[in-house]
Amino acid sequence: MVNIYRKEGWDLNPNDKIVNAILKRVELNDGLCPCHNECEDKMCPCSGYRLDNKCCCGLYVKKYN
């Protein structure tokens, strides 16, 4: 199960197909981010997103005002 991490300035990707595909890959990957990123903590949502404002897989998208 993936915890949806709410972060100011970011939203869950509005494309349900993308979100479902990413979450399925996370589930198949035992909770790890499906990207080949260099994050210290790869549990989804990875530390790249949580700490460095970088979402490589597209699960989260930056809000543009």
PDB file of N, CA and C in Angstrom:
ATOM      1  N   MET A   1       0.834  -1.182   0.000  1.00  0.00           N
ATOM      2  CA  MET A   1       0.000   0.000   0.000  1.00  0.00           C
ATOM      3  C   MET A   1       0.882   1.251   0.000  1.00  0.00           C
ATOM      4  N   VAL A   2       0.523   2.216  -0.800  1.00  0.00           N
ATOM      5  CA  VAL A   2       1.274   3.462  -0.909  1.00  0.00           C
ATOM      6  C   VAL A   2       0.548   4.535  -0.112  1.00  0.00           C
ATOM      7  N   ASN A   3       1.283   5.235   0.721  1.00  0.00           N
ATOM      8  CA  ASN A   3       0.716   6.379   1.419  1.00  0.00           C
ATOM      9  C   ASN A   3       0.751   7.570   0.478  1.00  0.00           C
ATOM     10  N   ILE A   4      -0.386   8.214   0.316  1.00  0.00           N
ATOM     11  CA  ILE A   4      -0.434   9.415  -0.509  1.00  0.00           C
ATOM     12  C   ILE A   4       0.032  10.567   0.373  1.00  0.00           C
ATOM     13  N   TYR A   5       1.156  11.104   0.040  1.00  0.00           N
ATOM     14  CA  TYR A   5       1.813  12.130   0.826  1.00  0.00           C
ATOM     15  C   TYR A   5       1.416  13.496   0.275  1.00  0.00           C
ATOM     16  N   ARG A   6       0.669  14.251   1.045  1.00  0.00           N
ATOM     17  CA  ARG A   6       0.232  15.586   0.612  1.00  0.00           C
ATOM     18  C   ARG A   6       1.316  16.600   0.952  1.00  0.00           C
ATOM     19  N   LYS A   7       1.683  17.383  -0.033  1.00  0.00           N
ATOM     20  CA  LYS A   7       2.755  18.345   0.137  1.00  0.00           C
ATOM     21  C   LYS A   7       2.331  19.647  -0.541  1.00  0.00           C
ATOM     22  N   GLU A   8       2.536  20.757   0.147  1.00  0.00           N
ATOM     23  CA  GLU A   8       2.143  22.045  -0.405  1.00  0.00           C
ATOM     24  C   GLU A   8       2.865  22.297  -1.728  1.00  0.00           C
ATOM     25  N   GLY A   9       2.086  22.735  -2.708  1.00  0.00           N
ATOM     26  CA  GLY A   9       2.647  23.031  -4.025  1.00  0.00           C
ATOM     27  C   GLY A   9       2.626  21.852  -4.984  1.00  0.00           C
ATOM     28  N   TRP A  10       2.136  20.698  -4.497  1.00  0.00           N
ATOM     29  CA  TRP A  10       2.097  19.494  -5.316  1.00  0.00           C
ATOM     30  C   TRP A  10       0.707  18.857  -5.263  1.00  0.00           C
ATOM     31  N   ASP A  11       0.323  18.176  -6.332  1.00  0.00           N
ATOM     32  CA  ASP A  11      -0.920  17.414  -6.405  1.00  0.00           C
ATOM     33  C   ASP A  11      -0.625  16.014  -6.904  1.00  0.00           C
ATOM     34  N   LEU A  12      -1.527  15.110  -6.618  1.00  0.00           N
ATOM     35  CA  LEU A  12      -1.475  13.795  -7.237  1.00  0.00           C
ATOM     36  C   LEU A  12      -1.747  14.006  -8.723  1.00  0.00           C
ATOM     37  N   ASN A  13      -1.088  13.280  -9.566  1.00  0.00           N
ATOM     38  CA  ASN A  13      -1.271  13.416 -11.005  1.00  0.00           C
ATOM     39  C   ASN A  13      -2.762  13.294 -11.339  1.00  0.00           C
ATOM     40  N   PRO A  14      -3.322  14.231 -12.115  1.00  0.00           N
ATOM     41  CA  PRO A  14      -4.750  14.181 -12.434  1.00  0.00           C
ATOM     42  C   PRO A  14      -5.120  13.067 -13.421  1.00  0.00           C
ATOM     43  N   ASN A  15      -4.134  12.449 -14.045  1.00  0.00           N
ATOM     44  CA  ASN A  15      -4.392  11.375 -15.006  1.00  0.00           C
ATOM     45  C   ASN A  15      -4.486  10.038 -14.251  1.00  0.00           C
ATOM     46  N   ASP A  16      -5.696   9.533 -14.098  1.00  0.00           N
ATOM     47  CA  ASP A  16      -5.931   8.290 -13.354  1.00  0.00           C
ATOM     48  C   ASP A  16      -5.174   7.101 -13.936  1.00  0.00           C
ATOM     49  N   LYS A  17      -5.027   7.044 -15.251  1.00  0.00           N
ATOM     50  CA  LYS A  17      -4.309   5.929 -15.871  1.00  0.00           C
ATOM     51  C   LYS A  17      -2.847   5.916 -15.437  1.00  0.00           C
ATOM     52  N   ILE A  18      -2.239   7.091 -15.389  1.00  0.00           N
ATOM     53  CA  ILE A  18      -0.838   7.189 -14.956  1.00  0.00           C
ATOM     54  C   ILE A  18      -0.721   6.801 -13.492  1.00  0.00           C
ATOM     55  N   VAL A  19      -1.586   7.351 -12.655  1.00  0.00           N
ATOM     56  CA  VAL A  19      -1.554   7.045 -11.221  1.00  0.00           C
ATOM     57  C   VAL A  19      -1.734   5.549 -10.984  1.00  0.00           C
ATOM     58  N   ASN A  20      -2.717   4.942 -11.624  1.00  0.00           N
ATOM     59  CA  ASN A  20      -2.963   3.510 -11.435  1.00  0.00           C
ATOM     60  C   ASN A  20      -1.785   2.669 -11.911  1.00  0.00           C
ATOM     61  N   ALA A  21      -1.171   3.044 -13.031  1.00  0.00           N
ATOM     62  CA  ALA A  21      -0.018   2.296 -13.543  1.00  0.00           C
ATOM     63  C   ALA A  21       1.166   2.400 -12.580  1.00  0.00           C
ATOM     64  N   ILE A  22       1.406   3.592 -12.058  1.00  0.00           N
ATOM     65  CA  ILE A  22       2.522   3.778 -11.120  1.00  0.00           C
ATOM     66  C   ILE A  22       2.263   2.996  -9.845  1.00  0.00           C
ATOM     67  N   LEU A  23       1.057   3.096  -9.299  1.00  0.00           N
ATOM     68  CA  LEU A  23       0.741   2.386  -8.061  1.00  0.00           C
ATOM     69  C   LEU A  23       0.826   0.872  -8.237  1.00  0.00           C
ATOM     70  N   LYS A  24       0.442   0.376  -9.411  1.00  0.00           N
ATOM     71  CA  LYS A  24       0.566  -1.059  -9.681  1.00  0.00           C
ATOM     72  C   LYS A  24       2.041  -1.470  -9.694  1.00  0.00           C
ATOM     73  N   ARG A  25       2.893  -0.646 -10.308  1.00  0.00           N
ATOM     74  CA  ARG A  25       4.329  -0.937 -10.339  1.00  0.00           C
ATOM     75  C   ARG A  25       4.935  -0.872  -8.943  1.00  0.00           C
ATOM     76  N   VAL A  26       4.478   0.077  -8.133  1.00  0.00           N
ATOM     77  CA  VAL A  26       4.962   0.184  -6.750  1.00  0.00           C
ATOM     78  C   VAL A  26       4.580  -1.081  -5.982  1.00  0.00           C
ATOM     79  N   GLU A  27       3.347  -1.520  -6.168  1.00  0.00           N
ATOM     80  CA  GLU A  27       2.886  -2.737  -5.483  1.00  0.00           C
ATOM     81  C   GLU A  27       3.713  -3.952  -5.900  1.00  0.00           C
ATOM     82  N   LEU A  28       3.987  -4.083  -7.191  1.00  0.00           N
ATOM     83  CA  LEU A  28       4.793  -5.200  -7.690  1.00  0.00           C
ATOM     84  C   LEU A  28       6.247  -5.107  -7.232  1.00  0.00           C
ATOM     85  N   ASN A  29       6.671  -3.899  -6.868  1.00  0.00           N
ATOM     86  CA  ASN A  29       8.047  -3.634  -6.457  1.00  0.00           C
ATOM     87  C   ASN A  29       8.179  -3.570  -4.929  1.00  0.00           C
ATOM     88  N   ASP A  30       7.233  -4.187  -4.229  1.00  0.00           N
ATOM     89  CA  ASP A  30       7.253  -4.238  -2.757  1.00  0.00           C
ATOM     90  C   ASP A  30       7.319  -2.866  -2.095  1.00  0.00           C
ATOM     91  N   GLY A  31       6.622  -1.888  -2.674  1.00  0.00           N
ATOM     92  CA  GLY A  31       6.522  -0.567  -2.073  1.00  0.00           C
ATOM     93  C   GLY A  31       7.606   0.407  -2.486  1.00  0.00           C
ATOM     94  N   LEU A  32       8.557  -0.054  -3.289  1.00  0.00           N
ATOM     95  CA  LEU A  32       9.635   0.831  -3.728  1.00  0.00           C
ATOM     96  C   LEU A  32       9.226   1.634  -4.952  1.00  0.00           C
ATOM     97  N   CYS A  33       9.781   2.834  -5.048  1.00  0.00           N
ATOM     98  CA  CYS A  33       9.542   3.693  -6.200  1.00  0.00           C
ATOM     99  C   CYS A  33       9.912   2.928  -7.475  1.00  0.00           C
ATOM    100  N   PRO A  34       9.090   3.008  -8.519  1.00  0.00           N
ATOM    101  CA  PRO A  34       9.387   2.275  -9.744  1.00  0.00           C
ATOM    102  C   PRO A  34      10.508   2.900 -10.573  1.00  0.00           C
ATOM    103  N   CYS A  35      10.924   4.106 -10.230  1.00  0.00           N
ATOM    104  CA  CYS A  35      11.985   4.785 -10.985  1.00  0.00           C
ATOM    105  C   CYS A  35      13.355   4.273 -10.564  1.00  0.00           C
ATOM    106  N   HIS A  36      14.285   4.442 -11.437  1.00  0.00           N
ATOM    107  CA  HIS A  36      15.675   4.120 -11.128  1.00  0.00           C
ATOM    108  C   HIS A  36      16.351   5.400 -10.653  1.00  0.00           C
ATOM    109  N   ASN A  37      15.881   5.913  -9.520  1.00  0.00           N
ATOM    110  CA  ASN A  37      16.425   7.168  -9.017  1.00  0.00           C
ATOM    111  C   ASN A  37      17.546   6.904  -8.024  1.00  0.00           C
ATOM    112  N   GLU A  38      18.210   7.953  -7.630  1.00  0.00           N
ATOM    113  CA  GLU A  38      19.359   7.844  -6.729  1.00  0.00           C
ATOM    114  C   GLU A  38      18.998   8.231  -5.293  1.00  0.00           C
ATOM    115  N   CYS A  39      17.739   8.157  -4.945  1.00  0.00           N
ATOM    116  CA  CYS A  39      17.283   8.563  -3.615  1.00  0.00           C
ATOM    117  C   CYS A  39      17.808   7.633  -2.532  1.00  0.00           C
ATOM    118  N   GLU A  40      17.982   8.197  -1.367  1.00  0.00           N
ATOM    119  CA  GLU A  40      18.425   7.412  -0.219  1.00  0.00           C
ATOM    120  C   GLU A  40      17.330   6.450   0.231  1.00  0.00           C
ATOM    121  N   ASP A  41      16.100   6.952   0.307  1.00  0.00           N
ATOM    122  CA  ASP A  41      14.948   6.147   0.716  1.00  0.00           C
ATOM    123  C   ASP A  41      14.032   6.005  -0.491  1.00  0.00           C
ATOM    124  N   LYS A  42      13.945   4.803  -1.022  1.00  0.00           N
ATOM    125  CA  LYS A  42      13.178   4.572  -2.245  1.00  0.00           C
ATOM    126  C   LYS A  42      11.745   4.100  -2.001  1.00  0.00           C
ATOM    127  N   MET A  43      11.334   4.021  -0.714  1.00  0.00           N
ATOM    128  CA  MET A  43       9.951   3.651  -0.441  1.00  0.00           C
ATOM    129  C   MET A  43       9.040   4.754  -0.964  1.00  0.00           C
ATOM    130  N   CYS A  44       8.010   4.383  -1.681  1.00  0.00           N
ATOM    131  CA  CYS A  44       7.113   5.354  -2.291  1.00  0.00           C
ATOM    132  C   CYS A  44       6.203   5.988  -1.236  1.00  0.00           C
ATOM    133  N   PRO A  45       6.085   7.297  -1.188  1.00  0.00           N
ATOM    134  CA  PRO A  45       6.809   8.276  -1.989  1.00  0.00           C
ATOM    135  C   PRO A  45       8.256   8.404  -1.530  1.00  0.00           C
ATOM    136  N   CYS A  46       9.165   8.427  -2.478  1.00  0.00           N
ATOM    137  CA  CYS A  46      10.598   8.383  -2.178  1.00  0.00           C
ATOM    138  C   CYS A  46      11.093   9.689  -1.558  1.00  0.00           C
ATOM    139  N   SER A  47      12.279   9.634  -1.012  1.00  0.00           N
ATOM    140  CA  SER A  47      12.862  10.808  -0.362  1.00  0.00           C
ATOM    141  C   SER A  47      13.152  11.928  -1.369  1.00  0.00           C
ATOM    142  N   GLY A  48      13.319  11.590  -2.622  1.00  0.00           N
ATOM    143  CA  GLY A  48      13.506  12.626  -3.639  1.00  0.00           C
ATOM    144  C   GLY A  48      12.316  13.559  -3.694  1.00  0.00           C
ATOM    145  N   TYR A  49      11.134  12.996  -3.603  1.00  0.00           N
ATOM    146  CA  TYR A  49       9.921  13.807  -3.583  1.00  0.00           C
ATOM    147  C   TYR A  49       9.724  14.461  -2.221  1.00  0.00           C
ATOM    148  N   ARG A  50       9.826  13.671  -1.166  1.00  0.00           N
ATOM    149  CA  ARG A  50       9.543  14.195   0.170  1.00  0.00           C
ATOM    150  C   ARG A  50      10.510  15.292   0.596  1.00  0.00           C
ATOM    151  N   LEU A  51      11.784  15.135   0.272  1.00  0.00           N
ATOM    152  CA  LEU A  51      12.793  16.059   0.780  1.00  0.00           C
ATOM    153  C   LEU A  51      13.347  17.023  -0.264  1.00  0.00           C
ATOM    154  N   ASP A  52      13.400  16.594  -1.528  1.00  0.00           N
ATOM    155  CA  ASP A  52      14.090  17.384  -2.557  1.00  0.00           C
ATOM    156  C   ASP A  52      13.174  17.938  -3.644  1.00  0.00           C
ATOM    157  N   ASN A  53      11.846  17.764  -3.501  1.00  0.00           N
ATOM    158  CA  ASN A  53      10.891  18.278  -4.494  1.00  0.00           C
ATOM    159  C   ASN A  53      11.155  17.755  -5.905  1.00  0.00           C
ATOM    160  N   LYS A  54      11.468  16.460  -6.004  1.00  0.00           N
ATOM    161  CA  LYS A  54      11.682  15.831  -7.307  1.00  0.00           C
ATOM    162  C   LYS A  54      10.849  14.559  -7.382  1.00  0.00           C
ATOM    163  N   CYS A  55       9.895  14.531  -8.285  1.00  0.00           N
ATOM    164  CA  CYS A  55       9.119  13.310  -8.512  1.00  0.00           C
ATOM    165  C   CYS A  55       9.454  12.818  -9.910  1.00  0.00           C
ATOM    166  N   CYS A  56      10.220  11.747  -9.979  1.00  0.00           N
ATOM    167  CA  CYS A  56      10.694  11.212 -11.262  1.00  0.00           C
ATOM    168  C   CYS A  56       9.632  10.394 -11.985  1.00  0.00           C
ATOM    169  N   CYS A  57       8.759   9.726 -11.226  1.00  0.00           N
ATOM    170  CA  CYS A  57       7.824   8.787 -11.852  1.00  0.00           C
ATOM    171  C   CYS A  57       6.552   9.461 -12.369  1.00  0.00           C
ATOM    172  N   GLY A  58       6.217  10.631 -11.851  1.00  0.00           N
ATOM    173  CA  GLY A  58       5.017  11.330 -12.306  1.00  0.00           C
ATOM    174  C   GLY A  58       3.802  11.089 -11.445  1.00  0.00           C
ATOM    175  N   LEU A  59       3.963  10.392 -10.322  1.00  0.00           N
ATOM    176  CA  LEU A  59       2.831  10.197  -9.415  1.00  0.00           C
ATOM    177  C   LEU A  59       2.342  11.539  -8.884  1.00  0.00           C
ATOM    178  N   TYR A  60       3.293  12.429  -8.624  1.00  0.00           N
ATOM    179  CA  TYR A  60       2.967  13.770  -8.136  1.00  0.00           C
ATOM    180  C   TYR A  60       3.388  14.785  -9.184  1.00  0.00           C
ATOM    181  N   VAL A  61       2.590  15.843  -9.322  1.00  0.00           N
ATOM    182  CA  VAL A  61       2.909  16.923 -10.253  1.00  0.00           C
ATOM    183  C   VAL A  61       2.881  18.255  -9.517  1.00  0.00           C
ATOM    184  N   LYS A  62       3.759  19.132  -9.922  1.00  0.00           N
ATOM    185  CA  LYS A  62       3.854  20.451  -9.305  1.00  0.00           C
ATOM    186  C   LYS A  62       2.647  21.296  -9.718  1.00  0.00           C
ATOM    187  N   LYS A  63       2.092  22.035  -8.754  1.00  0.00           N
ATOM    188  CA  LYS A  63       0.993  22.952  -9.044  1.00  0.00           C
ATOM    189  C   LYS A  63       1.559  24.196  -9.714  1.00  0.00           C
ATOM    190  N   TYR A  64       0.854  24.687 -10.692  1.00  0.00           N
ATOM    191  CA  TYR A  64       1.237  25.939 -11.332  1.00  0.00           C
ATOM    192  C   TYR A  64       0.088  26.908 -11.158  1.00  0.00           C
ATOM    193  N   ASN A  65       0.358  28.005 -10.523  1.00  0.00           N
ATOM    194  CA  ASN A  65      -0.699  29.010 -10.267  1.00  0.00           C
ATOM    195  C   ASN A  65      -0.617  30.131 -11.264  1.00  0.00           C
TER     196      ASN A  65
END
